[in-house]
Protein backbone atom coordinates (compact mmCIF):
# COMPACT_ATOMS: atom_id res chain seq x y z
CA UNK A 1 75.17 -15.10 -9.99
CA UNK A 2 78.94 -15.31 -10.21
CA UNK A 3 81.19 -15.42 -7.19
CA UNK A 4 82.79 -12.11 -8.11
CA UNK A 5 79.40 -10.40 -8.46
CA UNK A 6 78.26 -11.85 -5.12
CA UNK A 7 81.38 -10.43 -3.50
CA UNK A 8 80.75 -7.02 -5.06
CA UNK A 9 77.13 -7.01 -3.89
CA UNK A 10 78.20 -8.01 -0.38
CA UNK A 11 80.73 -5.18 -0.23
CA UNK A 12 78.30 -2.61 -1.65
CA UNK A 13 75.54 -3.73 0.73
CA UNK A 14 77.70 -2.54 3.63
CA UNK A 15 77.76 1.01 2.28
CA UNK A 16 75.26 3.76 3.00
CA UNK A 17 72.08 3.86 0.92
CA UNK A 18 73.35 6.97 -0.84
CA UNK A 19 76.56 5.23 -1.91
CA UNK A 20 74.66 2.08 -2.89
CA UNK A 21 72.38 4.16 -5.11
CA UNK A 22 75.38 5.92 -6.67
CA UNK A 23 77.06 2.60 -7.47
CA UNK A 24 73.79 1.19 -8.82
CA UNK A 25 73.43 4.22 -11.08
CA UNK A 26 76.94 3.68 -12.44
CA UNK A 27 76.34 -0.02 -13.11
CA UNK A 28 72.98 0.64 -14.78
CA UNK A 29 74.47 3.42 -16.90
CA UNK A 30 77.26 1.13 -18.07
CA UNK A 31 74.78 -1.60 -18.97
CA UNK A 32 72.61 0.85 -20.90
CA UNK A 33 75.68 2.17 -22.71
CA UNK A 34 76.69 -1.37 -23.66
CA UNK A 35 73.21 -2.02 -25.03
CA UNK A 36 73.37 1.19 -27.10
CA UNK A 37 76.73 0.15 -28.59
CA UNK A 38 75.41 -3.34 -29.34
CA UNK A 39 72.37 -1.89 -31.13
CA UNK A 40 74.51 0.65 -33.00
CA UNK A 41 76.90 -1.98 -34.30
CA UNK A 42 74.09 -4.36 -35.20
CA UNK A 43 72.35 -1.62 -37.17
CA UNK A 44 75.52 -0.48 -38.94
CA UNK A 45 76.68 -3.76 -40.51
CA UNK A 46 75.11 -3.08 -43.92
CA UNK A 47 76.60 0.41 -44.05
CA UNK A 48 80.03 -0.82 -42.95
CA UNK A 49 79.95 -3.64 -45.51
CA UNK A 50 79.06 -1.19 -48.28
CA UNK A 51 81.88 1.14 -47.23
CA UNK A 52 84.35 -1.75 -47.16
CA UNK A 53 83.28 -2.87 -50.62
CA UNK A 54 83.64 0.67 -51.95
CA UNK A 55 87.13 0.96 -50.46
CA UNK A 56 88.11 -2.41 -51.95
CA UNK A 57 86.87 -1.37 -55.39
CA UNK A 58 88.86 1.89 -55.13
CA UNK A 59 91.93 -0.14 -54.23
CA UNK A 60 91.41 -2.49 -57.17
CA UNK A 61 91.02 0.54 -59.46
CA UNK A 62 94.39 1.90 -58.31
CA UNK A 63 92.89 4.86 -56.49
CA UNK A 64 94.65 4.11 -53.20
CA UNK A 65 98.20 4.37 -51.98
CA UNK A 66 100.07 2.51 -49.25
CA UNK A 67 99.87 3.99 -45.78
CA UNK A 68 103.23 5.20 -44.50
CA UNK A 69 102.89 6.13 -40.82
CA UNK A 70 106.40 7.62 -40.85
CA UNK A 71 105.71 9.98 -43.74
CA UNK A 72 105.13 13.62 -42.81
CA UNK A 73 101.53 14.77 -43.03
CA UNK A 74 100.68 16.80 -46.10
């Protein structure tokens, strides 16, 4: 356990049970969200690679144009 985490646990342990549970719920939710993102990105690599290859082939075929962020939208 890191020093920073130990400090956080010590501070939270001084709070009421209700507040401890609320903080625990937030931490667990964040961890679950991180796991979902990790799985999503891991499962999307083939699709992203295919899309990148398609975009590169369109560029090579002259079907793209330079991006000009200062140009007015059309």
